[in-house]
């Protein structure tokens, strides 16, 4: 016991002695640095300067002045670097504190009781009862959307009468369009539209003017009680900033476009949201929509992050994370396109990633039933799609026929189905069948819009025999009087030769 006590006493003596040496050494070092060493240098100079002549004194004084200047400058630089470091550390600390506060707010909002709020989308340009713009933030309109929804995602309340099957949605929609808007669509067009929603987040409605291209998403938005946002594409658009907006360095505000506000508004909703790019090919789609084309191809929707601003600042909208906005899963982009001299051609890069619907004919007028609009959530529609994938898989017979057709077209025309087109086919056909249409009709649509359309770029005058052989192969693989749309396109090519 005595030995242990002696050891403990000696340990603390040594410890505190070392601590004293450390502290005293620190202050001794500071003293020597600014007082002690300069005094020693002075005495050293006095000892060595006994035999100095005039030249030696002049050189010595010059050296001392230069040394002092360098010494002072070095310490000034060190002090500035330390100040910058602490300033940077404080900014980072404030940023982390802000992000933590935002995360806590999100968790509180997520856990709070959700209150159902009915009504149309926020009209930021309405002159009646125009809300006062938020101040103190570079995003005035987006912050108003935050205030409108009170930072709470709006649920979609569905009753039993809203829970329709895909075929019932088609029937209800075309009857609603007829009875309420005097606009007429065939079951085929409506089914193609619904199946297109399941196939891609991008739809292209093309054809001659006056066939109801813009009206289709407009009326569908009315039908599902969530108006479609109609965005007029401008010929001057060259990149996404002209579509989404940009930060104005002069006003210190972000120029928020209708496209951006519609996209942000959808992040607070759980129903279906349609953003229409009207006359989308007035500008080059692959320029201003390039980022969206790439992002929407990613299988994980959590990676659909589009940059709005380079960094996050205090007062930025809630759903902006590190300057990025996640493209909501419940949003579809629908472009209308006219094929005339005033527009640009839509490239294969865009076509391959989109579902395209040709609307060159008006449907015959009919008296539709007076059916009510419906509430439909994204999750409910997605569940309908998943059920259709299981219940209406493509038959093995047609899969074998498609494989043989792919081999012939690849060898003869150097055009292949590819993984992207096959994935779209696997998604489109089951939904198209669930909407009440036939499997072979859906296959015809995919072949015509995804494969035969590309023949326009070939040197067709030298391929007449091959085109005629392809027509015969259609009959062999799928039966006569089938694939009418694909055959009509090929016959049109042959007539042009």
Protein backbone atom coordinates (compact mmCIF):
# COMPACT_ATOMS: atom_id res chain seq x y z
CA UNK A 1 0.00 0.00 0.00
CA UNK A 2 2.86 2.39 0.85
CA UNK A 3 4.54 1.70 -2.47
CA UNK A 4 1.34 2.46 -4.35
CA UNK A 5 0.83 5.72 -2.41
CA UNK A 6 4.40 6.80 -3.14
CA UNK A 7 3.91 6.03 -6.82
CA UNK A 8 0.67 8.08 -7.01
CA UNK A 9 2.29 11.04 -5.25
CA UNK A 10 5.33 10.94 -7.53
CA UNK A 11 3.06 10.59 -10.57
CA UNK A 12 1.08 13.75 -9.78
CA UNK A 13 4.28 15.66 -8.90
CA UNK A 14 5.74 14.74 -12.26
CA UNK A 15 2.46 15.44 -14.10
CA UNK A 16 1.98 18.93 -12.63
CA UNK A 17 5.67 19.72 -13.07
CA UNK A 18 5.46 18.80 -16.76
CA UNK A 19 2.27 20.85 -17.04
CA UNK A 20 4.07 23.81 -15.46
CA UNK A 21 6.99 23.42 -17.86
CA UNK A 22 4.52 23.35 -20.76
CA UNK A 23 2.64 26.49 -19.67
CA UNK A 24 5.73 28.40 -18.58
CA UNK A 25 7.51 27.29 -21.74
CA UNK A 26 4.66 28.67 -23.85
CA UNK A 27 4.76 32.08 -22.20
CA UNK A 28 8.57 32.02 -22.12
CA UNK A 29 8.52 31.35 -25.85
CA UNK A 30 6.16 34.29 -26.43
CA UNK A 31 8.39 36.52 -24.26
CA UNK A 32 11.56 35.42 -26.04
CA UNK A 33 9.96 35.80 -29.46
CA UNK A 34 9.05 39.44 -28.96
CA UNK A 35 11.43 40.64 -26.18
CA UNK A 36 14.12 38.17 -25.11
CA UNK A 37 15.53 37.25 -28.53
CA UNK A 38 15.51 40.84 -29.86
CA UNK A 39 17.52 41.93 -26.76
CA UNK A 40 20.02 39.11 -27.40
CA UNK A 41 20.24 40.13 -31.07
CA UNK A 42 20.91 43.72 -29.97
CA UNK A 43 23.74 42.69 -27.61
CA UNK A 44 25.15 40.40 -30.30
CA UNK A 45 25.17 43.30 -32.75
CA UNK A 46 26.87 45.57 -30.25
CA UNK A 47 29.61 43.00 -29.66
CA UNK A 48 30.27 42.47 -33.35
CA UNK A 49 30.00 46.14 -34.37
CA UNK A 50 33.01 47.38 -32.36
CA UNK A 51 35.20 47.36 -35.46
CA UNK A 52 32.42 48.43 -37.98
CA UNK A 53 33.25 51.21 -40.40
CA UNK A 54 30.69 53.49 -42.08
CA UNK A 55 29.90 51.03 -44.91
CA UNK A 56 29.36 48.21 -42.42
CA UNK A 57 26.92 50.33 -40.42
CA UNK A 58 24.96 51.34 -43.54
CA UNK A 59 24.69 47.69 -44.68
CA UNK A 60 23.76 46.56 -41.17
CA UNK A 61 21.01 49.16 -40.79
CA UNK A 62 19.64 48.27 -44.25
CA UNK A 63 19.67 44.57 -43.39
CA UNK A 64 17.93 45.20 -40.05
CA UNK A 65 15.17 47.27 -41.74
CA UNK A 66 14.59 44.60 -44.42
CA UNK A 67 14.58 41.81 -41.82
CA UNK A 68 12.08 43.67 -39.59
CA UNK A 69 9.80 44.29 -42.59
CA UNK A 70 9.90 40.62 -43.61
CA UNK A 71 9.35 39.56 -40.01
CA UNK A 72 6.32 41.84 -39.58
CA UNK A 73 4.86 40.84 -42.97
CA UNK A 74 5.21 37.15 -42.11
CA UNK A 75 3.28 37.61 -38.90
CA UNK A 76 0.63 39.71 -40.64
CA UNK A 77 0.12 36.92 -43.19
CA UNK A 78 -0.14 34.33 -40.43
CA UNK A 79 -2.70 36.46 -38.57
CA UNK A 80 -4.77 36.94 -41.75
CA UNK A 81 -4.74 33.20 -42.49
CA UNK A 82 -5.88 32.42 -38.96
CA UNK A 83 -8.67 35.00 -39.20
CA UNK A 84 -9.79 33.56 -42.54
CA UNK A 85 -9.80 30.07 -41.12
CA UNK A 86 -11.99 31.05 -38.17
CA UNK A 87 -14.29 33.06 -40.45
CA UNK A 88 -14.66 30.05 -42.79
CA UNK A 89 -15.21 27.72 -39.84
CA UNK A 90 -17.95 30.02 -38.53
CA UNK A 91 -19.69 30.09 -41.93
CA UNK A 92 -19.57 26.29 -42.14
CA UNK A 93 -20.85 26.01 -38.59
CA UNK A 94 -23.74 28.39 -39.34
CA UNK A 95 -24.52 26.42 -42.51
CA UNK A 96 -24.60 23.12 -40.64
CA UNK A 97 -26.75 24.69 -37.93
CA UNK A 98 -29.19 25.94 -40.58
CA UNK A 99 -29.37 22.55 -42.29
CA UNK A 100 -29.98 20.83 -38.95
CA UNK A 101 -32.77 23.29 -38.18
CA UNK A 102 -34.30 22.64 -41.61
CA UNK A 103 -34.12 18.89 -41.05
CA UNK A 104 -35.78 19.27 -37.65
CA UNK A 105 -38.51 21.39 -39.23
CA UNK A 106 -39.07 18.77 -41.92
CA UNK A 107 -39.36 16.03 -39.33
CA UNK A 108 -41.87 18.09 -37.34
CA UNK A 109 -43.86 18.79 -40.50
CA UNK A 110 -43.75 15.13 -41.49
CA UNK A 111 -44.98 14.04 -38.07
CA UNK A 112 -47.64 16.71 -37.78
CA UNK A 113 -51.29 16.09 -38.51
CA UNK A 114 -51.95 16.62 -42.22
CA UNK A 115 -54.84 18.92 -42.94
CA UNK A 116 -56.63 18.48 -46.25
CA UNK A 117 -56.82 21.68 -48.23
CA UNK A 118 -59.00 21.79 -51.34
CA UNK A 119 -58.82 24.33 -54.11
CA UNK A 120 -56.99 25.09 -57.34
CA UNK A 121 -53.28 25.66 -57.68
CA UNK A 122 -51.83 28.92 -56.45
CA UNK A 123 -52.28 31.58 -59.11
CA UNK A 124 -49.34 33.90 -58.63
CA UNK A 125 -50.52 36.30 -61.33
CA UNK A 126 -54.13 36.69 -60.18
CA UNK A 127 -55.00 40.35 -59.84
CA UNK A 128 -57.88 39.67 -57.42
CA UNK A 129 -56.73 38.99 -53.92
CA UNK A 130 -53.15 39.01 -55.11
CA UNK A 131 -50.94 37.79 -52.25
CA UNK A 132 -48.17 39.97 -51.00
CA UNK A 133 -44.82 38.70 -52.25
CA UNK A 134 -42.47 37.34 -49.65
CA UNK A 135 -39.56 39.60 -48.84
CA UNK A 136 -36.07 38.86 -47.63
CA UNK A 137 -35.55 35.94 -49.98
CA UNK A 138 -34.31 35.61 -53.54
CA UNK A 139 -37.24 33.23 -54.28
CA UNK A 140 -40.47 35.19 -53.84
CA UNK A 141 -42.91 32.93 -55.69
CA UNK A 142 -41.52 29.64 -54.38
CA UNK A 143 -41.70 30.93 -50.82
CA UNK A 144 -45.33 31.86 -51.43
CA UNK A 145 -45.94 28.23 -52.41
CA UNK A 146 -44.32 27.17 -49.12
CA UNK A 147 -46.70 29.49 -47.28
CA UNK A 148 -49.71 28.30 -49.28
CA UNK A 149 -49.18 24.66 -48.33
CA UNK A 150 -47.84 25.59 -44.85
CA UNK A 151 -44.84 23.32 -45.45
CA UNK A 152 -47.15 20.29 -45.54
CA UNK A 153 -47.55 17.83 -48.40
CA UNK A 154 -51.17 17.84 -49.58
CA UNK A 155 -52.81 14.39 -49.51
CA UNK A 156 -55.13 13.19 -52.26
CA UNK A 157 -58.36 11.96 -50.71
CA UNK A 158 -60.05 9.32 -52.86
CA UNK A 159 -63.54 7.91 -52.35
CA UNK A 160 -64.79 4.59 -53.71
CA UNK A 161 -66.22 6.27 -56.81
CA UNK A 162 -62.74 7.62 -57.60
CA UNK A 163 -61.12 4.18 -57.54
CA UNK A 164 -61.59 3.24 -61.18
CA UNK A 165 -59.77 0.65 -63.25
CA UNK A 166 -57.63 1.76 -66.19
CA UNK A 167 -60.35 0.91 -68.71
CA UNK A 168 -62.89 2.81 -66.61
CA UNK A 169 -60.58 5.83 -66.46
CA UNK A 170 -60.44 5.83 -70.28
CA UNK A 171 -64.23 5.59 -70.58
CA UNK A 172 -64.91 8.23 -67.94
CA UNK A 173 -62.36 10.60 -69.44
CA UNK A 174 -63.66 10.55 -73.03
CA UNK A 175 -67.24 10.95 -71.76
CA UNK A 176 -66.23 13.82 -69.48
CA UNK A 177 -64.38 15.57 -72.34
CA UNK A 178 -67.42 15.23 -74.57
CA UNK A 179 -70.10 16.25 -72.07
CA UNK A 180 -68.26 19.08 -70.28
CA UNK A 181 -65.91 20.51 -72.93
CA UNK A 182 -67.32 19.41 -76.30
CA UNK A 183 -63.95 17.91 -77.12
CA UNK A 184 -63.87 14.41 -78.53
CA UNK A 185 -61.22 11.72 -78.24
CA UNK A 186 -61.30 8.11 -79.38
CA UNK A 187 -60.71 5.25 -76.98
CA UNK A 188 -57.49 4.49 -78.86
CA UNK A 189 -56.04 7.98 -78.30
CA UNK A 190 -57.09 8.02 -74.64
CA UNK A 191 -55.65 4.53 -74.06
CA UNK A 192 -52.41 5.49 -75.80
CA UNK A 193 -52.18 8.57 -73.58
CA UNK A 194 -52.66 6.55 -70.37
CA UNK A 195 -50.19 3.87 -71.51
CA UNK A 196 -47.76 6.64 -72.46
CA UNK A 197 -47.86 7.93 -68.87
CA UNK A 198 -46.75 4.48 -67.70
CA UNK A 199 -44.00 4.26 -70.32
CA UNK A 200 -42.19 7.56 -69.91
CA UNK A 201 -42.25 10.81 -67.96
CA UNK A 202 -42.09 12.61 -71.31
CA UNK A 203 -44.93 12.51 -73.85
CA UNK A 204 -44.95 14.11 -77.29
CA UNK A 205 -48.28 14.92 -78.95
CA UNK A 206 -47.68 15.71 -82.61
CA UNK A 207 -49.77 16.27 -85.69
CA UNK A 208 -51.57 18.93 -87.66
CA UNK A 209 -53.11 21.96 -85.97
CA UNK A 210 -56.64 21.74 -84.63
CA UNK A 211 -56.66 18.07 -83.64
CA UNK A 212 -56.71 18.71 -79.88
CA UNK A 213 -53.05 18.20 -78.95
CA UNK A 214 -52.95 20.89 -76.26
CA UNK A 215 -56.54 20.20 -75.26
CA UNK A 216 -55.79 16.56 -74.38
CA UNK A 217 -53.62 17.27 -71.28
CA UNK A 218 -55.69 20.39 -70.52
CA UNK A 219 -58.97 18.44 -70.33
CA UNK A 220 -57.29 15.52 -68.54
CA UNK A 221 -56.07 17.97 -65.89
CA UNK A 222 -59.64 19.19 -65.45
CA UNK A 223 -60.81 15.57 -65.26
CA UNK A 224 -58.44 14.72 -62.37
CA UNK A 225 -59.10 18.04 -60.56
CA UNK A 226 -55.57 19.34 -61.00
CA UNK A 227 -55.19 21.77 -63.87
CA UNK A 228 -52.32 21.18 -66.26
CA UNK A 229 -49.72 23.95 -66.42
CA UNK A 230 -49.48 25.24 -69.99
CA UNK A 231 -46.00 26.62 -70.74
CA UNK A 232 -45.49 28.39 -74.07
CA UNK A 233 -42.07 27.48 -75.44
CA UNK A 234 -40.17 30.46 -76.85
CA UNK A 235 -38.00 30.27 -80.01
CA UNK A 236 -35.17 31.96 -78.07
CA UNK A 237 -34.74 29.10 -75.60
CA UNK A 238 -31.20 27.74 -75.80
CA UNK A 239 -30.71 26.13 -72.39
CA UNK A 240 -32.63 25.15 -69.28
CA UNK A 241 -32.04 28.52 -67.59
CA UNK A 242 -34.43 30.22 -70.02
CA UNK A 243 -37.02 27.58 -69.18
CA UNK A 244 -36.44 27.38 -65.40
CA UNK A 245 -35.18 30.86 -64.63
CA UNK A 246 -31.92 32.38 -63.42
CA UNK A 247 -30.44 34.47 -60.63
CA UNK A 248 -30.37 38.20 -61.39
CA UNK A 249 -27.15 39.66 -59.97
CA UNK A 250 -28.52 43.21 -60.26
CA UNK A 251 -31.78 42.72 -58.34
CA UNK A 252 -30.37 39.89 -56.16
CA UNK A 253 -33.55 37.96 -56.94
CA UNK A 254 -34.16 34.72 -58.82
CA UNK A 255 -36.22 35.14 -61.97
CA UNK A 256 -38.81 32.42 -61.31
CA UNK A 257 -40.55 31.14 -64.43
CA UNK A 258 -43.96 29.51 -64.62
CA UNK A 259 -42.23 26.21 -65.39
CA UNK A 260 -40.23 26.37 -62.14
CA UNK A 261 -43.21 27.37 -60.00
CA UNK A 262 -45.30 24.55 -61.50
CA UNK A 263 -42.53 22.04 -60.84
CA UNK A 264 -42.10 23.27 -57.27
CA UNK A 265 -45.85 23.29 -56.64
CA UNK A 266 -45.98 19.60 -57.63
CA UNK A 267 -43.48 18.78 -54.87
CA UNK A 268 -46.23 19.56 -52.33
CA UNK A 269 -48.85 17.38 -54.02
CA UNK A 270 -49.55 13.66 -54.21
CA UNK A 271 -51.85 13.65 -57.23
CA UNK A 272 -51.05 13.68 -60.96
CA UNK A 273 -49.32 16.83 -62.28
CA UNK A 274 -49.03 17.62 -65.98
CA UNK A 275 -46.66 20.31 -67.28
CA UNK A 276 -47.35 21.06 -70.94
CA UNK A 277 -44.60 22.47 -73.16
CA UNK A 278 -46.79 23.96 -75.86
CA UNK A 279 -45.18 23.94 -79.31
CA UNK A 280 -42.09 22.42 -77.79
CA UNK A 281 -40.16 22.31 -81.08
CA UNK A 282 -40.21 26.08 -81.63
CA UNK A 283 -36.76 25.75 -80.02
CA UNK A 284 -34.40 22.79 -80.04
CA UNK A 285 -35.72 20.39 -77.41
CA UNK A 286 -32.36 18.65 -77.00
CA UNK A 287 -30.86 22.01 -75.94
CA UNK A 288 -33.22 23.44 -73.33
CA UNK A 289 -34.51 20.07 -72.07
CA UNK A 290 -31.21 18.15 -72.14
CA UNK A 291 -30.77 17.91 -68.36
CA UNK A 292 -34.28 16.55 -67.88
CA UNK A 293 -33.80 13.98 -70.65
CA UNK A 294 -30.74 12.63 -68.85
CA UNK A 295 -32.08 12.76 -65.29
CA UNK A 296 -35.42 11.11 -66.03
CA UNK A 297 -33.58 8.09 -67.44
CA UNK A 298 -32.08 7.29 -64.04
CA UNK A 299 -33.91 4.36 -62.40
CA UNK A 300 -33.75 5.89 -58.90
CA UNK A 301 -36.05 8.91 -58.64
CA UNK A 302 -34.04 10.14 -55.62
CA UNK A 303 -31.33 11.04 -58.14
CA UNK A 304 -33.64 13.27 -60.21
CA UNK A 305 -31.97 16.41 -58.86
CA UNK A 306 -31.92 19.50 -61.05
CA UNK A 307 -29.69 22.41 -59.99
CA UNK A 308 -31.52 25.70 -59.52
CA UNK A 309 -28.77 27.71 -57.75
CA UNK A 310 -25.15 26.78 -56.93
CA UNK A 311 -25.60 26.86 -53.15
CA UNK A 312 -28.18 27.02 -50.39
CA UNK A 313 -28.82 30.27 -48.54
CA UNK A 314 -30.94 31.18 -45.54
CA UNK A 315 -34.48 31.94 -46.67
CA UNK A 316 -34.44 29.63 -49.70
CA UNK A 317 -37.57 27.50 -50.32
CA UNK A 318 -38.02 24.42 -48.16
CA UNK A 319 -37.82 21.82 -50.94
CA UNK A 320 -34.59 23.26 -52.32
CA UNK A 321 -31.78 21.08 -50.98
CA UNK A 322 -28.24 22.41 -51.45
CA UNK A 323 -29.54 24.49 -54.35
CA UNK A 324 -31.15 21.48 -56.06
CA UNK A 325 -34.80 20.61 -56.62
CA UNK A 326 -35.84 16.98 -56.88
CA UNK A 327 -38.13 16.37 -59.84
CA UNK A 328 -41.28 14.91 -58.25
CA UNK A 329 -42.35 11.42 -59.29
CA UNK A 330 -45.91 12.64 -59.83
CA UNK A 331 -44.95 15.00 -62.67
CA UNK A 332 -45.19 14.32 -66.40
CA UNK A 333 -43.85 16.60 -69.12
CA UNK A 334 -46.09 16.71 -72.18
CA UNK A 335 -44.89 18.45 -75.32
CA UNK A 336 -47.03 19.41 -78.27
CA UNK A 337 -45.33 19.59 -81.66
CA UNK A 338 -46.34 20.92 -85.05
CA UNK A 339 -44.53 19.64 -88.12
CA UNK A 340 -44.10 22.71 -90.31
CA UNK A 341 -41.42 25.08 -91.58
CA UNK A 342 -41.54 27.27 -88.46
CA UNK A 343 -40.35 24.49 -86.14
CA UNK A 344 -37.25 22.37 -85.58
CA UNK A 345 -37.20 18.63 -86.10
CA UNK A 346 -37.29 16.49 -82.97
CA UNK A 347 -34.18 14.31 -82.79
CA UNK A 348 -34.00 10.59 -82.04
CA UNK A 349 -32.43 11.43 -78.67
CA UNK A 350 -35.75 12.96 -77.64
CA UNK A 351 -38.04 10.50 -79.44
CA UNK A 352 -36.30 7.45 -77.98
CA UNK A 353 -36.87 8.69 -74.43
CA UNK A 354 -40.48 9.79 -74.90
CA UNK A 355 -43.86 8.34 -75.74
CA UNK A 356 -45.14 9.97 -78.91
CA UNK A 357 -48.76 10.13 -80.02
CA UNK A 358 -49.68 11.21 -83.55
CA UNK A 359 -52.95 13.16 -83.71
CA UNK A 360 -53.73 13.89 -87.35
CA UNK A 361 -57.45 13.12 -87.23
CA UNK A 362 -60.31 14.45 -85.15
CA UNK A 363 -62.53 11.96 -83.38
CA UNK A 364 -66.16 11.84 -84.44
CA UNK A 365 -68.47 13.87 -82.17
CA UNK A 366 -70.69 11.91 -79.81
CA UNK A 367 -72.94 12.67 -76.88
CA UNK A 368 -71.05 11.63 -73.78
CA UNK A 369 -72.50 10.74 -70.41
CA UNK A 370 -72.46 13.44 -67.73
CA UNK A 371 -69.78 11.89 -65.51
CA UNK A 372 -68.10 13.60 -62.56
CA UNK A 373 -64.44 14.40 -62.27
CA UNK A 374 -62.26 12.18 -60.09
CA UNK A 375 -59.52 12.50 -57.50
CA UNK A 376 -56.61 10.20 -58.28
CA UNK A 377 -53.32 9.98 -56.44
CA UNK A 378 -49.99 9.11 -57.98
CA UNK A 379 -49.67 6.06 -55.73
CA UNK A 380 -53.06 4.74 -56.83
CA UNK A 381 -52.25 5.17 -60.52
CA UNK A 382 -48.84 3.58 -60.01
CA UNK A 383 -50.50 0.61 -58.30
CA UNK A 384 -52.84 0.22 -61.30
CA UNK A 385 -49.78 0.17 -63.56
CA UNK A 386 -48.02 -2.47 -61.43
CA UNK A 387 -51.12 -4.67 -61.42
CA UNK A 388 -51.39 -4.42 -65.20
CA UNK A 389 -47.74 -5.44 -65.61
CA UNK A 390 -48.50 -8.68 -63.75
CA UNK A 391 -51.86 -9.46 -65.33
CA UNK A 392 -51.17 -8.55 -68.96
CA UNK A 393 -47.65 -9.67 -69.76
CA UNK A 394 -46.75 -9.88 -73.45
CA UNK A 395 -47.42 -13.34 -74.86
CA UNK A 396 -44.46 -15.59 -75.64
CA UNK A 397 -45.65 -15.88 -79.23
CA UNK A 398 -45.39 -12.15 -79.81
CA UNK A 399 -42.07 -11.93 -77.96
CA UNK A 400 -40.59 -14.52 -80.35
CA UNK A 401 -42.08 -12.64 -83.31
CA UNK A 402 -40.57 -9.36 -82.07
CA UNK A 403 -37.16 -11.01 -81.70
CA UNK A 404 -37.26 -12.26 -85.31
CA UNK A 405 -38.45 -8.86 -86.53
CA UNK A 406 -35.60 -7.18 -84.65
CA UNK A 407 -33.06 -9.51 -86.29
CA UNK A 408 -34.36 -8.73 -89.79
CA UNK A 409 -34.53 -4.95 -89.31
CA UNK A 410 -31.07 -4.88 -87.70
CA UNK A 411 -29.45 -6.82 -90.56
CA UNK A 412 -31.34 -5.07 -93.35
CA UNK A 413 -31.75 -1.46 -92.18
CA UNK A 414 -29.12 -1.21 -89.39
CA UNK A 415 -31.81 -0.09 -86.96
CA UNK A 416 -32.32 -2.05 -83.76
CA UNK A 417 -34.93 -2.13 -81.03
CA UNK A 418 -32.32 -1.75 -78.28
CA UNK A 419 -32.80 -2.07 -74.53
CA UNK A 420 -34.57 1.27 -74.14
CA UNK A 421 -37.26 0.49 -76.72
CA UNK A 422 -37.75 -3.03 -75.38
CA UNK A 423 -38.19 -1.67 -71.83
CA UNK A 424 -40.77 0.79 -73.12
CA UNK A 425 -42.55 -2.02 -74.94
CA UNK A 426 -42.71 -4.11 -71.74
CA UNK A 427 -44.31 -1.14 -69.96
CA UNK A 428 -46.60 0.12 -72.71
CA UNK A 429 -48.30 -3.10 -73.87
CA UNK A 430 -49.71 -4.30 -70.49
CA UNK A 431 -51.17 -0.85 -69.73
CA UNK A 432 -52.58 -0.53 -73.24
CA UNK A 433 -54.29 -3.92 -72.89
CA UNK A 434 -55.58 -3.02 -69.40
CA UNK A 435 -57.15 0.09 -70.95
CA UNK A 436 -59.26 -2.19 -73.13
CA UNK A 437 -57.19 -2.40 -76.31
CA UNK A 438 -55.52 -5.39 -77.99
CA UNK A 439 -51.93 -6.53 -77.53
CA UNK A 440 -51.20 -6.58 -81.26
CA UNK A 441 -52.48 -3.00 -81.62
CA UNK A 442 -50.08 -1.89 -78.88
CA UNK A 443 -47.19 -3.69 -80.58
CA UNK A 444 -48.12 -1.93 -83.81
CA UNK A 445 -47.92 1.44 -82.04
CA UNK A 446 -44.43 0.75 -80.64
CA UNK A 447 -43.07 -0.57 -83.96
CA UNK A 448 -44.50 2.36 -85.92
CA UNK A 449 -43.47 5.16 -83.53
CA UNK A 450 -40.12 3.75 -82.36
CA UNK A 451 -38.77 1.81 -85.36
CA UNK A 452 -40.49 2.52 -88.69
CA UNK A 453 -40.38 6.28 -88.04
CA UNK A 454 -36.57 6.09 -88.20
CA UNK A 455 -36.73 4.85 -91.80
CA UNK A 456 -37.17 8.50 -92.85
CA UNK A 457 -33.41 8.97 -92.48
CA UNK A 458 -32.54 6.02 -94.77
CA UNK A 459 -31.76 6.10 -98.48
CA UNK A 460 -35.18 4.67 -99.34
CA UNK A 461 -34.91 4.62 -103.19
CA UNK A 462 -32.37 1.79 -102.82
CA UNK A 463 -34.47 -0.12 -100.28
CA UNK A 464 -37.77 -0.71 -102.09
CA UNK A 465 -37.35 -4.50 -102.23
CA UNK A 466 -36.36 -4.63 -98.57
CA UNK A 467 -39.45 -2.62 -97.59
CA UNK A 468 -41.70 -4.99 -99.53
CA UNK A 469 -40.02 -7.96 -97.84
CA UNK A 470 -40.66 -6.33 -94.47
CA UNK A 471 -44.38 -6.08 -95.28
CA UNK A 472 -44.43 -9.80 -96.03
CA UNK A 473 -42.59 -10.52 -92.77
CA UNK A 474 -45.26 -8.59 -90.85
CA UNK A 475 -47.92 -10.96 -92.22
CA UNK A 476 -45.82 -14.03 -91.44
CA UNK A 477 -45.04 -13.06 -87.86
CA UNK A 478 -48.22 -11.31 -86.73
CA UNK A 479 -50.86 -12.42 -89.24
CA UNK A 480 -52.56 -10.66 -92.12
CA UNK A 481 -54.49 -7.45 -91.55
CA UNK A 482 -52.37 -6.72 -88.46
CA UNK A 483 -49.87 -3.91 -87.76
CA UNK A 484 -51.96 -1.53 -89.87
CA UNK A 485 -50.22 1.64 -88.69
CA UNK A 486 -46.74 0.24 -89.39
CA UNK A 487 -47.82 -1.03 -92.81
CA UNK A 488 -49.34 2.32 -93.74
CA UNK A 489 -46.07 4.07 -92.93
CA UNK A 490 -44.06 1.61 -95.06
CA UNK A 491 -46.51 1.89 -97.98
CA UNK A 492 -46.17 5.67 -97.75
CA UNK A 493 -42.37 5.32 -98.00
CA UNK A 494 -42.71 3.04 -101.04
CA UNK A 495 -45.00 5.54 -102.80
CA UNK A 496 -42.41 8.28 -102.28
CA UNK A 497 -39.72 6.24 -104.08
